[in-house]
Amino acid sequence: MVHRADPDEWCVIVNGLQVLAFSGPSAWAKALSHKAELLELLTSPDAPPAAPRPPAR
């Protein structure tokens, strides 16, 4: 999940944990430049476990 706090602040959250954060006028470009790192975080067997889902209603 990528969260935009304001136009110049972005953070990446994987399974409820913030793993990367970027700020400044080029924050989104900085985030995109870490695509390989993001993919590794999402597909690595060492990635944090997924947060439990709430029960369906």
PDB file of N, CA and C in Angstrom:
ATOM      1  N   MET A   1       0.844  -1.169   0.000  1.00  0.00           N
ATOM      2  CA  MET A   1       0.000   0.000   0.000  1.00  0.00           C
ATOM      3  C   MET A   1       0.894   1.239   0.000  1.00  0.00           C
ATOM      4  N   VAL A   2       0.556   2.170  -0.807  1.00  0.00           N
ATOM      5  CA  VAL A   2       1.264   3.446  -0.824  1.00  0.00           C
ATOM      6  C   VAL A   2       0.311   4.490  -0.282  1.00  0.00           C
ATOM      7  N   HIS A   3       0.767   5.234   0.688  1.00  0.00           N
ATOM      8  CA  HIS A   3      -0.078   6.233   1.344  1.00  0.00           C
ATOM      9  C   HIS A   3       0.489   7.618   1.102  1.00  0.00           C
ATOM     10  N   ARG A   4      -0.359   8.524   0.709  1.00  0.00           N
ATOM     11  CA  ARG A   4       0.057   9.906   0.486  1.00  0.00           C
ATOM     12  C   ARG A   4      -0.438  10.748   1.648  1.00  0.00           C
ATOM     13  N   ALA A   5       0.489  11.244   2.456  1.00  0.00           N
ATOM     14  CA  ALA A   5       0.127  12.084   3.599  1.00  0.00           C
ATOM     15  C   ALA A   5      -0.210  13.494   3.129  1.00  0.00           C
ATOM     16  N   ASP A   6       0.521  13.993   2.185  1.00  0.00           N
ATOM     17  CA  ASP A   6       0.234  15.266   1.522  1.00  0.00           C
ATOM     18  C   ASP A   6       0.995  15.237   0.205  1.00  0.00           C
ATOM     19  N   PRO A   7       0.871  16.252  -0.649  1.00  0.00           N
ATOM     20  CA  PRO A   7       1.492  16.160  -1.972  1.00  0.00           C
ATOM     21  C   PRO A   7       2.995  15.865  -1.961  1.00  0.00           C
ATOM     22  N   ASP A   8       3.688  16.194  -0.899  1.00  0.00           N
ATOM     23  CA  ASP A   8       5.138  15.989  -0.871  1.00  0.00           C
ATOM     24  C   ASP A   8       5.583  14.899   0.094  1.00  0.00           C
ATOM     25  N   GLU A   9       4.673  14.058   0.559  1.00  0.00           N
ATOM     26  CA  GLU A   9       5.040  12.980   1.481  1.00  0.00           C
ATOM     27  C   GLU A   9       4.341  11.690   1.079  1.00  0.00           C
ATOM     28  N   TRP A  10       5.130  10.650   0.910  1.00  0.00           N
ATOM     29  CA  TRP A  10       4.608   9.329   0.568  1.00  0.00           C
ATOM     30  C   TRP A  10       5.266   8.293   1.469  1.00  0.00           C
ATOM     31  N   CYS A  11       4.512   7.269   1.847  1.00  0.00           N
ATOM     32  CA  CYS A  11       5.126   6.154   2.561  1.00  0.00           C
ATOM     33  C   CYS A  11       4.560   4.857   1.998  1.00  0.00           C
ATOM     34  N   VAL A  12       5.331   3.812   2.120  1.00  0.00           N
ATOM     35  CA  VAL A  12       4.940   2.496   1.634  1.00  0.00           C
ATOM     36  C   VAL A  12       4.732   1.611   2.851  1.00  0.00           C
ATOM     37  N   ILE A  13       3.564   0.988   2.916  1.00  0.00           N
ATOM     38  CA  ILE A  13       3.211   0.131   4.043  1.00  0.00           C
ATOM     39  C   ILE A  13       3.011  -1.287   3.511  1.00  0.00           C
ATOM     40  N   VAL A  14       3.723  -2.246   4.093  1.00  0.00           N
ATOM     41  CA  VAL A  14       3.597  -3.651   3.720  1.00  0.00           C
ATOM     42  C   VAL A  14       3.104  -4.403   4.942  1.00  0.00           C
ATOM     43  N   ASN A  15       1.935  -5.024   4.809  1.00  0.00           N
ATOM     44  CA  ASN A  15       1.352  -5.804   5.906  1.00  0.00           C
ATOM     45  C   ASN A  15       1.315  -5.016   7.216  1.00  0.00           C
ATOM     46  N   GLY A  16       0.931  -3.765   7.117  1.00  0.00           N
ATOM     47  CA  GLY A  16       0.767  -2.943   8.311  1.00  0.00           C
ATOM     48  C   GLY A  16       2.029  -2.288   8.832  1.00  0.00           C
ATOM     49  N   LEU A  17       3.180  -2.551   8.217  1.00  0.00           N
ATOM     50  CA  LEU A  17       4.438  -1.958   8.665  1.00  0.00           C
ATOM     51  C   LEU A  17       4.951  -0.969   7.630  1.00  0.00           C
ATOM     52  N   GLN A  18       5.311   0.226   8.071  1.00  0.00           N
ATOM     53  CA  GLN A  18       5.898   1.200   7.150  1.00  0.00           C
ATOM     54  C   GLN A  18       7.314   0.757   6.827  1.00  0.00           C
ATOM     55  N   VAL A  19       7.590   0.540   5.549  1.00  0.00           N
ATOM     56  CA  VAL A  19       8.906   0.048   5.151  1.00  0.00           C
ATOM     57  C   VAL A  19       9.739   1.099   4.429  1.00  0.00           C
ATOM     58  N   LEU A  20       9.104   2.062   3.804  1.00  0.00           N
ATOM     59  CA  LEU A  20       9.811   3.135   3.112  1.00  0.00           C
ATOM     60  C   LEU A  20       9.017   4.421   3.261  1.00  0.00           C
ATOM     61  N   ALA A  21       9.711   5.543   3.298  1.00  0.00           N
ATOM     62  CA  ALA A  21       9.047   6.848   3.339  1.00  0.00           C
ATOM     63  C   ALA A  21       9.863   7.829   2.510  1.00  0.00           C
ATOM     64  N   PHE A  22       9.159   8.698   1.826  1.00  0.00           N
ATOM     65  CA  PHE A  22       9.799   9.688   0.969  1.00  0.00           C
ATOM     66  C   PHE A  22       9.119  11.023   1.177  1.00  0.00           C
ATOM     67  N   SER A  23       9.895  12.093   1.138  1.00  0.00           N
ATOM     68  CA  SER A  23       9.303  13.422   1.267  1.00  0.00           C
ATOM     69  C   SER A  23      10.064  14.399   0.384  1.00  0.00           C
ATOM     70  N   GLY A  24       9.453  15.522   0.170  1.00  0.00           N
ATOM     71  CA  GLY A  24      10.059  16.555  -0.664  1.00  0.00           C
ATOM     72  C   GLY A  24       9.354  16.653  -2.002  1.00  0.00           C
ATOM     73  N   PRO A  25       9.725  17.642  -2.792  1.00  0.00           N
ATOM     74  CA  PRO A  25       9.048  17.881  -4.068  1.00  0.00           C
ATOM     75  C   PRO A  25       9.100  16.693  -5.031  1.00  0.00           C
ATOM     76  N   SER A  26      10.117  15.847  -4.931  1.00  0.00           N
ATOM     77  CA  SER A  26      10.221  14.703  -5.846  1.00  0.00           C
ATOM     78  C   SER A  26       9.927  13.380  -5.132  1.00  0.00           C
ATOM     79  N   ALA A  27       9.104  13.417  -4.090  1.00  0.00           N
ATOM     80  CA  ALA A  27       8.841  12.220  -3.282  1.00  0.00           C
ATOM     81  C   ALA A  27       8.297  11.064  -4.116  1.00  0.00           C
ATOM     82  N   TRP A  28       7.325  11.327  -4.984  1.00  0.00           N
ATOM     83  CA  TRP A  28       6.732  10.238  -5.763  1.00  0.00           C
ATOM     84  C   TRP A  28       7.761   9.656  -6.722  1.00  0.00           C
ATOM     85  N   ALA A  29       8.569  10.492  -7.349  1.00  0.00           N
ATOM     86  CA  ALA A  29       9.624   9.999  -8.241  1.00  0.00           C
ATOM     87  C   ALA A  29      10.621   9.147  -7.459  1.00  0.00           C
ATOM     88  N   LYS A  30      10.957   9.556  -6.240  1.00  0.00           N
ATOM     89  CA  LYS A  30      11.871   8.771  -5.400  1.00  0.00           C
ATOM     90  C   LYS A  30      11.256   7.406  -5.097  1.00  0.00           C
ATOM     91  N   ALA A  31       9.962   7.395  -4.763  1.00  0.00           N
ATOM     92  CA  ALA A  31       9.292   6.131  -4.454  1.00  0.00           C
ATOM     93  C   ALA A  31       9.323   5.206  -5.671  1.00  0.00           C
ATOM     94  N   LEU A  32       9.028   5.745  -6.843  1.00  0.00           N
ATOM     95  CA  LEU A  32       9.032   4.920  -8.052  1.00  0.00           C
ATOM     96  C   LEU A  32      10.419   4.404  -8.390  1.00  0.00           C
ATOM     97  N   SER A  33      11.449   5.147  -8.026  1.00  0.00           N
ATOM     98  CA  SER A  33      12.808   4.704  -8.333  1.00  0.00           C
ATOM     99  C   SER A  33      13.216   3.503  -7.480  1.00  0.00           C
ATOM    100  N   HIS A  34      12.432   3.169  -6.463  1.00  0.00           N
ATOM    101  CA  HIS A  34      12.718   2.021  -5.597  1.00  0.00           C
ATOM    102  C   HIS A  34      11.826   0.828  -5.948  1.00  0.00           C
ATOM    103  N   LYS A  35      11.352   0.758  -7.195  1.00  0.00           N
ATOM    104  CA  LYS A  35      10.432  -0.296  -7.598  1.00  0.00           C
ATOM    105  C   LYS A  35      10.973  -1.694  -7.325  1.00  0.00           C
ATOM    106  N   ALA A  36      12.231  -1.943  -7.644  1.00  0.00           N
ATOM    107  CA  ALA A  36      12.808  -3.277  -7.434  1.00  0.00           C
ATOM    108  C   ALA A  36      12.827  -3.623  -5.950  1.00  0.00           C
ATOM    109  N   GLU A  37      13.185  -2.657  -5.117  1.00  0.00           N
ATOM    110  CA  GLU A  37      13.205  -2.884  -3.674  1.00  0.00           C
ATOM    111  C   GLU A  37      11.794  -3.162  -3.156  1.00  0.00           C
ATOM    112  N   LEU A  38      10.818  -2.434  -3.672  1.00  0.00           N
ATOM    113  CA  LEU A  38       9.431  -2.649  -3.255  1.00  0.00           C
ATOM    114  C   LEU A  38       8.961  -4.042  -3.657  1.00  0.00           C
ATOM    115  N   LEU A  39       9.278  -4.455  -4.874  1.00  0.00           N
ATOM    116  CA  LEU A  39       8.883  -5.780  -5.330  1.00  0.00           C
ATOM    117  C   LEU A  39       9.509  -6.859  -4.458  1.00  0.00           C
ATOM    118  N   GLU A  40      10.773  -6.678  -4.102  1.00  0.00           N
ATOM    119  CA  GLU A  40      11.441  -7.644  -3.229  1.00  0.00           C
ATOM    120  C   GLU A  40      10.758  -7.699  -1.860  1.00  0.00           C
ATOM    121  N   LEU A  41      10.399  -6.536  -1.318  1.00  0.00           N
ATOM    122  CA  LEU A  41       9.718  -6.512  -0.023  1.00  0.00           C
ATOM    123  C   LEU A  41       8.390  -7.258  -0.075  1.00  0.00           C
ATOM    124  N   LEU A  42       7.696  -7.145  -1.201  1.00  0.00           N
ATOM    125  CA  LEU A  42       6.378  -7.765  -1.321  1.00  0.00           C
ATOM    126  C   LEU A  42       6.441  -9.255  -1.604  1.00  0.00           C
ATOM    127  N   THR A  43       7.530  -9.728  -2.210  1.00  0.00           N
ATOM    128  CA  THR A  43       7.594 -11.128  -2.619  1.00  0.00           C
ATOM    129  C   THR A  43       8.582 -11.963  -1.817  1.00  0.00           C
ATOM    130  N   SER A  44       9.348 -11.343  -0.960  1.00  0.00           N
ATOM    131  CA  SER A  44      10.362 -12.052  -0.190  1.00  0.00           C
ATOM    132  C   SER A  44       9.725 -12.986   0.831  1.00  0.00           C
ATOM    133  N   PRO A  45      10.291 -14.195   0.992  1.00  0.00           N
ATOM    134  CA  PRO A  45       9.786 -15.077   2.049  1.00  0.00           C
ATOM    135  C   PRO A  45      10.038 -14.499   3.440  1.00  0.00           C
ATOM    136  N   ASP A  46      10.942 -13.529   3.539  1.00  0.00           N
ATOM    137  CA  ASP A  46      11.224 -12.887   4.822  1.00  0.00           C
ATOM    138  C   ASP A  46      10.332 -11.679   5.079  1.00  0.00           C
ATOM    139  N   ALA A  47       9.389 -11.413   4.182  1.00  0.00           N
ATOM    140  CA  ALA A  47       8.489 -10.271   4.358  1.00  0.00           C
ATOM    141  C   ALA A  47       7.672 -10.477   5.626  1.00  0.00           C
ATOM    142  N   PRO A  48       7.289  -9.391   6.284  1.00  0.00           N
ATOM    143  CA  PRO A  48       6.468  -9.538   7.485  1.00  0.00           C
ATOM    144  C   PRO A  48       5.169 -10.260   7.149  1.00  0.00           C
ATOM    145  N   PRO A  49       4.649 -11.056   8.066  1.00  0.00           N
ATOM    146  CA  PRO A  49       3.404 -11.778   7.786  1.00  0.00           C
ATOM    147  C   PRO A  49       2.240 -10.808   7.606  1.00  0.00           C
ATOM    148  N   ALA A  50       1.293 -11.235   6.825  1.00  0.00           N
ATOM    149  CA  ALA A  50       0.104 -10.410   6.602  1.00  0.00           C
ATOM    150  C   ALA A  50      -0.671 -10.256   7.899  1.00  0.00           C
ATOM    151  N   ALA A  51      -1.227  -9.093   8.077  1.00  0.00           N
ATOM    152  CA  ALA A  51      -2.060  -8.846   9.258  1.00  0.00           C
ATOM    153  C   ALA A  51      -3.337  -9.662   9.124  1.00  0.00           C
ATOM    154  N   PRO A  52      -3.851 -10.185  10.233  1.00  0.00           N
ATOM    155  CA  PRO A  52      -5.092 -10.959  10.146  1.00  0.00           C
ATOM    156  C   PRO A  52      -6.239 -10.075   9.665  1.00  0.00           C
ATOM    157  N   ARG A  53      -7.093 -10.665   8.864  1.00  0.00           N
ATOM    158  CA  ARG A  53      -8.249  -9.921   8.360  1.00  0.00           C
ATOM    159  C   ARG A  53      -9.377  -9.986   9.378  1.00  0.00           C
ATOM    160  N   PRO A  54     -10.144  -8.900   9.484  1.00  0.00           N
ATOM    161  CA  PRO A  54     -11.289  -8.945  10.401  1.00  0.00           C
ATOM    162  C   PRO A  54     -12.332  -9.925   9.869  1.00  0.00           C
ATOM    163  N   PRO A  55     -13.123 -10.516  10.750  1.00  0.00           N
ATOM    164  CA  PRO A  55     -14.139 -11.475  10.299  1.00  0.00           C
ATOM    165  C   PRO A  55     -15.155 -10.793   9.379  1.00  0.00           C
ATOM    166  N   ALA A  56     -15.616 -11.543   8.385  1.00  0.00           N
ATOM    167  CA  ALA A  56     -16.632 -11.017   7.467  1.00  0.00           C
ATOM    168  C   ALA A  56     -17.953 -10.868   8.207  1.00  0.00           C
ATOM    169  N   ARG A  57     -18.686  -9.872   7.801  1.00  0.00           N
ATOM    170  CA  ARG A  57     -20.007  -9.658   8.440  1.00  0.00           C
ATOM    171  C   ARG A  57     -21.081 -10.373   7.699  1.00  0.00           C
TER     172      ARG A  57
END
